[in-house]
Amino acid sequence: MQLVKPFVATEHKLEWCRDDVNAGVREIEITSFVPPSVVPQFSDALELVRETLRIDGLITSALVPNLKGAQRAFESGVHKVNYVLSASEAHNQANVRRSTRESLDDFKRITQERCEKNLPALVVGGIATSLAVPFRERCRKARSLISLKVCWRPALMRLFSPIQLDTRIRSKFAESSPKRFVSPGGGRSLRISMIPAD
């Protein structure tokens, strides 16, 4: 959605979500809590969460790039908070303008916030470029495994669900192709937003 230049009316987004639920989709990543100045398409994030929480049978999730975004997502009442970092250092820098290490540290702060405040939202952690890297950087499988070991420790498994992501990049790495995935709880789910690639 962030690649769509004209702003899509909130009601149209809600209609899309309702149609997906009627088609059998149980979980939708409905928005992203990024600064509106960076991605204007998500300036209606709070309204989208508020309205989609009223859709029977829908599990809502939102993508966050950092702790501040996670705090906004927690406050919105969304069911799941999706946080993604890249196994590729170059991709992580291009995606969120910081190192993988910094993203790992922020993920720790997000999970700590959830625990300390006993928040109901599930934190979902994803490792992007875990299967392929869109840059000329070789990213060994071991790096993904190291990230998993550091970030998704067994002691925290009760707090969040890990997912493995792959990002296809084209047109000078500016366009991302979201992929369907199956949530740990079963059933179909759909990602409709991703972190900006530039």
C-alpha atoms as a PDB file:
ATOM      1  CA  MET A   1       0.000   0.000   0.000  1.00  0.00           C
ATOM      2  CA  GLN A   2       2.826   2.428   0.709  1.00  0.00           C
ATOM      3  CA  LEU A   3       3.748   2.329  -2.982  1.00  0.00           C
ATOM      4  CA  VAL A   4       0.334   3.657  -4.013  1.00  0.00           C
ATOM      5  CA  LYS A   5       0.799   7.397  -4.456  1.00  0.00           C
ATOM      6  CA  PRO A   6      -2.831   8.604  -4.366  1.00  0.00           C
ATOM      7  CA  PHE A   7      -4.311   8.285  -0.897  1.00  0.00           C
ATOM      8  CA  VAL A   8      -6.785   5.415  -0.741  1.00  0.00           C
ATOM      9  CA  ALA A   9      -9.891   6.462   1.151  1.00  0.00           C
ATOM     10  CA  THR A  10     -10.181   4.867   4.585  1.00  0.00           C
ATOM     11  CA  GLU A  11     -13.632   3.541   3.753  1.00  0.00           C
ATOM     12  CA  HIS A  12     -12.235   1.777   0.693  1.00  0.00           C
ATOM     13  CA  LYS A  13      -9.580   0.107   2.848  1.00  0.00           C
ATOM     14  CA  LEU A  14     -12.263  -0.974   5.298  1.00  0.00           C
ATOM     15  CA  GLU A  15     -14.387  -2.347   2.461  1.00  0.00           C
ATOM     16  CA  TRP A  16     -11.362  -4.332   1.280  1.00  0.00           C
ATOM     17  CA  CYS A  17     -10.921  -5.793   4.778  1.00  0.00           C
ATOM     18  CA  ARG A  18     -14.617  -6.702   5.036  1.00  0.00           C
ATOM     19  CA  ASP A  19     -14.520  -8.414   1.645  1.00  0.00           C
ATOM     20  CA  ASP A  20     -11.433 -10.403   2.667  1.00  0.00           C
ATOM     21  CA  VAL A  21     -13.109 -11.554   5.879  1.00  0.00           C
ATOM     22  CA  ASN A  22     -16.217 -12.577   3.937  1.00  0.00           C
ATOM     23  CA  ALA A  23     -13.912 -14.569   1.632  1.00  0.00           C
ATOM     24  CA  GLY A  24     -12.496 -16.461   4.609  1.00  0.00           C
ATOM     25  CA  VAL A  25      -9.373 -14.485   5.537  1.00  0.00           C
ATOM     26  CA  ARG A  26      -9.016 -14.514   9.310  1.00  0.00           C
ATOM     27  CA  GLU A  27      -6.055 -12.192   9.809  1.00  0.00           C
ATOM     28  CA  ILE A  28      -5.032  -9.016   7.974  1.00  0.00           C
ATOM     29  CA  GLU A  29      -2.082  -6.693   8.484  1.00  0.00           C
ATOM     30  CA  ILE A  30      -4.201  -3.612   8.032  1.00  0.00           C
ATOM     31  CA  THR A  31      -1.732  -0.751   8.396  1.00  0.00           C
ATOM     32  CA  SER A  32       1.695   0.404   9.502  1.00  0.00           C
ATOM     33  CA  PHE A  33       2.534   2.791  12.319  1.00  0.00           C
ATOM     34  CA  VAL A  34       5.137   4.860  10.525  1.00  0.00           C
ATOM     35  CA  PRO A  35       5.325   8.673  10.493  1.00  0.00           C
ATOM     36  CA  PRO A  36       2.691  10.081   8.074  1.00  0.00           C
ATOM     37  CA  SER A  37       5.405  12.339   6.665  1.00  0.00           C
ATOM     38  CA  VAL A  38       7.265   9.207   5.525  1.00  0.00           C
ATOM     39  CA  VAL A  39       4.280   7.202   4.256  1.00  0.00           C
ATOM     40  CA  PRO A  40       1.131   9.368   3.940  1.00  0.00           C
ATOM     41  CA  GLN A  41      -0.863   6.285   2.923  1.00  0.00           C
ATOM     42  CA  PHE A  42      -0.868   5.151   6.563  1.00  0.00           C
ATOM     43  CA  SER A  43      -1.930   8.463   8.111  1.00  0.00           C
ATOM     44  CA  ASP A  44      -5.295   6.855   8.932  1.00  0.00           C
ATOM     45  CA  ALA A  45      -3.722   4.026  10.958  1.00  0.00           C
ATOM     46  CA  LEU A  46      -5.597   4.742  14.187  1.00  0.00           C
ATOM     47  CA  GLU A  47      -8.956   5.045  12.437  1.00  0.00           C
ATOM     48  CA  LEU A  48      -8.354   1.824  10.510  1.00  0.00           C
ATOM     49  CA  VAL A  49      -7.553  -0.102  13.677  1.00  0.00           C
ATOM     50  CA  ARG A  50     -10.569   1.330  15.491  1.00  0.00           C
ATOM     51  CA  GLU A  51     -12.951   0.380  12.705  1.00  0.00           C
ATOM     52  CA  THR A  52     -11.493  -3.029  11.849  1.00  0.00           C
ATOM     53  CA  LEU A  53     -11.686  -4.079  15.491  1.00  0.00           C
ATOM     54  CA  ARG A  54     -15.442  -3.984  14.968  1.00  0.00           C
ATOM     55  CA  ILE A  55     -15.323  -6.584  12.183  1.00  0.00           C
ATOM     56  CA  ASP A  56     -16.418  -9.944  13.598  1.00  0.00           C
ATOM     57  CA  GLY A  57     -13.924 -12.763  13.141  1.00  0.00           C
ATOM     58  CA  LEU A  58     -11.002 -10.566  12.098  1.00  0.00           C
ATOM     59  CA  ILE A  59      -7.613 -10.658  13.801  1.00  0.00           C
ATOM     60  CA  THR A  60      -5.950  -7.316  13.166  1.00  0.00           C
ATOM     61  CA  SER A  61      -2.226  -6.732  12.964  1.00  0.00           C
ATOM     62  CA  ALA A  62      -0.072  -3.710  12.210  1.00  0.00           C
ATOM     63  CA  LEU A  63       3.511  -3.330  11.073  1.00  0.00           C
ATOM     64  CA  VAL A  64       5.892  -1.210  13.160  1.00  0.00           C
ATOM     65  CA  PRO A  65       9.450  -0.094  12.313  1.00  0.00           C
ATOM     66  CA  ASN A  66      10.576   0.857  15.818  1.00  0.00           C
ATOM     67  CA  LEU A  67       9.629   1.263  19.490  1.00  0.00           C
ATOM     68  CA  LYS A  68       7.686   4.487  18.923  1.00  0.00           C
ATOM     69  CA  GLY A  69       5.591   2.805  16.253  1.00  0.00           C
ATOM     70  CA  ALA A  70       5.036  -0.185  18.544  1.00  0.00           C
ATOM     71  CA  GLN A  71       3.860   2.085  21.348  1.00  0.00           C
ATOM     72  CA  ARG A  72       1.302   3.654  19.024  1.00  0.00           C
ATOM     73  CA  ALA A  73       0.183   0.196  17.919  1.00  0.00           C
ATOM     74  CA  PHE A  74      -0.160  -1.021  21.516  1.00  0.00           C
ATOM     75  CA  GLU A  75      -2.278   2.024  22.354  1.00  0.00           C
ATOM     76  CA  SER A  76      -4.521   1.447  19.315  1.00  0.00           C
ATOM     77  CA  GLY A  77      -5.677  -1.948  20.605  1.00  0.00           C
ATOM     78  CA  VAL A  78      -4.539  -3.931  17.555  1.00  0.00           C
ATOM     79  CA  HIS A  79      -4.348  -7.680  18.208  1.00  0.00           C
ATOM     80  CA  LYS A  80      -0.839  -8.235  16.832  1.00  0.00           C
ATOM     81  CA  VAL A  81       2.184  -6.003  16.423  1.00  0.00           C
ATOM     82  CA  ASN A  82       4.459  -7.074  13.562  1.00  0.00           C
ATOM     83  CA  TYR A  83       8.119  -6.129  13.772  1.00  0.00           C
ATOM     84  CA  VAL A  84      10.551  -6.939  10.969  1.00  0.00           C
ATOM     85  CA  LEU A  85      14.318  -6.747  10.740  1.00  0.00           C
ATOM     86  CA  SER A  86      16.557  -7.907   7.912  1.00  0.00           C
ATOM     87  CA  ALA A  87      19.148 -10.656   8.012  1.00  0.00           C
ATOM     88  CA  SER A  88      20.911  -8.533   5.392  1.00  0.00           C
ATOM     89  CA  GLU A  89      22.726  -5.539   6.866  1.00  0.00           C
ATOM     90  CA  ALA A  90      22.466  -3.608   3.584  1.00  0.00           C
ATOM     91  CA  HIS A  91      18.737  -4.272   3.290  1.00  0.00           C
ATOM     92  CA  ASN A  92      18.106  -3.270   6.896  1.00  0.00           C
ATOM     93  CA  GLN A  93      19.933   0.025   6.336  1.00  0.00           C
ATOM     94  CA  ALA A  94      17.907   0.695   3.184  1.00  0.00           C
ATOM     95  CA  ASN A  95      14.654  -0.331   4.820  1.00  0.00           C
ATOM     96  CA  VAL A  96      14.749   1.378   8.223  1.00  0.00           C
ATOM     97  CA  ARG A  97      18.016   3.335   8.046  1.00  0.00           C
ATOM     98  CA  ARG A  98      19.809   1.531  10.862  1.00  0.00           C
ATOM     99  CA  SER A  99      21.887  -1.560  11.501  1.00  0.00           C
ATOM    100  CA  THR A 100      20.533  -5.023  12.201  1.00  0.00           C
ATOM    101  CA  ARG A 101      22.045  -4.766  15.667  1.00  0.00           C
ATOM    102  CA  GLU A 102      20.116  -1.571  16.344  1.00  0.00           C
ATOM    103  CA  SER A 103      16.919  -3.238  15.143  1.00  0.00           C
ATOM    104  CA  LEU A 104      17.551  -6.195  17.446  1.00  0.00           C
ATOM    105  CA  ASP A 105      18.056  -3.828  20.381  1.00  0.00           C
ATOM    106  CA  ASP A 106      14.800  -2.039  19.559  1.00  0.00           C
ATOM    107  CA  PHE A 107      12.976  -5.360  19.354  1.00  0.00           C
ATOM    108  CA  LYS A 108      14.170  -6.130  22.877  1.00  0.00           C
ATOM    109  CA  ARG A 109      12.794  -2.782  24.072  1.00  0.00           C
ATOM    110  CA  ILE A 110       9.447  -3.526  22.410  1.00  0.00           C
ATOM    111  CA  THR A 111       9.101  -6.925  24.110  1.00  0.00           C
ATOM    112  CA  GLN A 112      10.159  -5.407  27.438  1.00  0.00           C
ATOM    113  CA  GLU A 113       7.471  -2.741  27.105  1.00  0.00           C
ATOM    114  CA  ARG A 114       4.859  -5.391  26.432  1.00  0.00           C
ATOM    115  CA  CYS A 115       5.944  -7.437  29.448  1.00  0.00           C
ATOM    116  CA  GLU A 116       6.316  -4.555  31.896  1.00  0.00           C
ATOM    117  CA  LYS A 117       2.882  -3.149  31.050  1.00  0.00           C
ATOM    118  CA  ASN A 118       1.277  -6.585  30.640  1.00  0.00           C
ATOM    119  CA  LEU A 119      -0.157  -5.592  27.270  1.00  0.00           C
ATOM    120  CA  PRO A 120      -2.543  -7.977  25.471  1.00  0.00           C
ATOM    121  CA  ALA A 121      -1.184  -7.561  21.934  1.00  0.00           C
ATOM    122  CA  LEU A 122       0.944 -10.390  20.565  1.00  0.00           C
ATOM    123  CA  VAL A 123       4.335  -9.313  19.233  1.00  0.00           C
ATOM    124  CA  VAL A 124       5.238 -11.013  15.946  1.00  0.00           C
ATOM    125  CA  GLY A 125       8.888 -10.975  14.924  1.00  0.00           C
ATOM    126  CA  GLY A 126       9.960 -11.459  11.324  1.00  0.00           C
ATOM    127  CA  ILE A 127      13.360 -11.764   9.622  1.00  0.00           C
ATOM    128  CA  ALA A 128      13.297 -10.290   6.115  1.00  0.00           C
ATOM    129  CA  THR A 129      15.699 -11.407   3.362  1.00  0.00           C
ATOM    130  CA  SER A 130      16.086 -14.685   5.234  1.00  0.00           C
ATOM    131  CA  LEU A 131      15.978 -16.692   1.995  1.00  0.00           C
ATOM    132  CA  ALA A 132      17.291 -14.216  -0.551  1.00  0.00           C
ATOM    133  CA  VAL A 133      19.038 -10.848  -0.548  1.00  0.00           C
ATOM    134  CA  PRO A 134      18.063  -8.129  -3.066  1.00  0.00           C
ATOM    135  CA  PHE A 135      21.517  -6.551  -2.941  1.00  0.00           C
ATOM    136  CA  ARG A 136      24.986  -7.703  -3.967  1.00  0.00           C
ATOM    137  CA  GLU A 137      25.643  -8.687  -0.406  1.00  0.00           C
ATOM    138  CA  ARG A 138      26.066 -12.340   0.396  1.00  0.00           C
ATOM    139  CA  CYS A 139      23.903 -13.213   3.351  1.00  0.00           C
ATOM    140  CA  ARG A 140      24.743 -16.626   4.703  1.00  0.00           C
ATOM    141  CA  LYS A 141      22.087 -18.817   6.175  1.00  0.00           C
ATOM    142  CA  ALA A 142      24.070 -18.783   9.409  1.00  0.00           C
ATOM    143  CA  ARG A 143      23.326 -15.101   9.815  1.00  0.00           C
ATOM    144  CA  SER A 144      19.597 -15.781   9.863  1.00  0.00           C
ATOM    145  CA  LEU A 145      20.141 -18.547  12.407  1.00  0.00           C
ATOM    146  CA  ILE A 146      22.245 -16.241  14.588  1.00  0.00           C
ATOM    147  CA  SER A 147      19.532 -13.585  14.454  1.00  0.00           C
ATOM    148  CA  LEU A 148      16.932 -16.161  15.429  1.00  0.00           C
ATOM    149  CA  LYS A 149      19.055 -17.388  18.336  1.00  0.00           C
ATOM    150  CA  VAL A 150      19.690 -13.873  19.634  1.00  0.00           C
ATOM    151  CA  CYS A 151      16.220 -12.497  19.068  1.00  0.00           C
ATOM    152  CA  TRP A 152      13.762 -15.357  19.440  1.00  0.00           C
ATOM    153  CA  ARG A 153      14.918 -17.112  22.582  1.00  0.00           C
ATOM    154  CA  PRO A 154      12.757 -19.985  23.895  1.00  0.00           C
ATOM    155  CA  ALA A 155      12.074 -18.020  27.084  1.00  0.00           C
ATOM    156  CA  LEU A 156      10.199 -15.424  25.030  1.00  0.00           C
ATOM    157  CA  MET A 157       8.206 -17.792  22.847  1.00  0.00           C
ATOM    158  CA  ARG A 158       5.133 -17.277  25.006  1.00  0.00           C
ATOM    159  CA  LEU A 159       5.218 -13.566  24.152  1.00  0.00           C
ATOM    160  CA  PHE A 160       5.304 -13.554  20.392  1.00  0.00           C
ATOM    161  CA  SER A 161       5.344 -15.617  17.222  1.00  0.00           C
ATOM    162  CA  PRO A 162       8.368 -15.738  14.896  1.00  0.00           C
ATOM    163  CA  ILE A 163       7.839 -15.660  11.139  1.00  0.00           C
ATOM    164  CA  GLN A 164      10.302 -15.961   8.277  1.00  0.00           C
ATOM    165  CA  LEU A 165       9.939 -13.487   5.430  1.00  0.00           C
ATOM    166  CA  ASP A 166      11.407 -13.105   1.996  1.00  0.00           C
ATOM    167  CA  THR A 167      11.271  -9.851   0.062  1.00  0.00           C
ATOM    168  CA  ARG A 168      11.305  -9.622  -3.716  1.00  0.00           C
ATOM    169  CA  ILE A 169      12.696  -6.300  -4.836  1.00  0.00           C
ATOM    170  CA  ARG A 170      12.514  -4.844  -8.321  1.00  0.00           C
ATOM    171  CA  SER A 171      12.868  -1.439 -10.005  1.00  0.00           C
ATOM    172  CA  LYS A 172      16.013  -0.384  -8.164  1.00  0.00           C
ATOM    173  CA  PHE A 173      14.808  -2.111  -4.987  1.00  0.00           C
ATOM    174  CA  ALA A 174      11.979   0.390  -4.568  1.00  0.00           C
ATOM    175  CA  GLU A 175       9.023  -1.948  -4.947  1.00  0.00           C
ATOM    176  CA  SER A 176       8.202  -4.778  -2.545  1.00  0.00           C
ATOM    177  CA  SER A 177       5.943  -7.751  -3.160  1.00  0.00           C
ATOM    178  CA  PRO A 178       3.996  -8.826  -0.040  1.00  0.00           C
ATOM    179  CA  LYS A 179       3.602 -12.563   0.409  1.00  0.00           C
ATOM    180  CA  ARG A 180       0.849 -14.615   1.982  1.00  0.00           C
ATOM    181  CA  PHE A 181       1.727 -16.613   5.059  1.00  0.00           C
ATOM    182  CA  VAL A 182      -0.003 -18.928   7.491  1.00  0.00           C
ATOM    183  CA  SER A 183      -0.216 -17.663  11.025  1.00  0.00           C
ATOM    184  CA  PRO A 184       1.032 -19.903  13.866  1.00  0.00           C
ATOM    185  CA  GLY A 185      -2.541 -20.332  15.060  1.00  0.00           C
ATOM    186  CA  GLY A 186      -3.648 -21.666  11.702  1.00  0.00           C
ATOM    187  CA  GLY A 187      -6.000 -20.205   9.123  1.00  0.00           C
ATOM    188  CA  ARG A 188      -5.335 -17.837   6.263  1.00  0.00           C
ATOM    189  CA  SER A 189      -3.803 -14.438   6.778  1.00  0.00           C
ATOM    190  CA  LEU A 190      -2.845 -11.616   4.483  1.00  0.00           C
ATOM    191  CA  ARG A 191      -0.150  -8.943   4.625  1.00  0.00           C
ATOM    192  CA  ILE A 192      -1.166  -5.766   2.803  1.00  0.00           C
ATOM    193  CA  SER A 193       1.624  -3.444   3.956  1.00  0.00           C
ATOM    194  CA  MET A 194       5.370  -3.516   4.376  1.00  0.00           C
ATOM    195  CA  ILE A 195       8.137  -1.213   5.600  1.00  0.00           C
ATOM    196  CA  PRO A 196       9.235   1.248   2.898  1.00  0.00           C
ATOM    197  CA  ALA A 197      12.252   0.061   0.911  1.00  0.00           C
ATOM    198  CA  ASP A 198      13.690   3.508   0.339  1.00  0.00           C
END
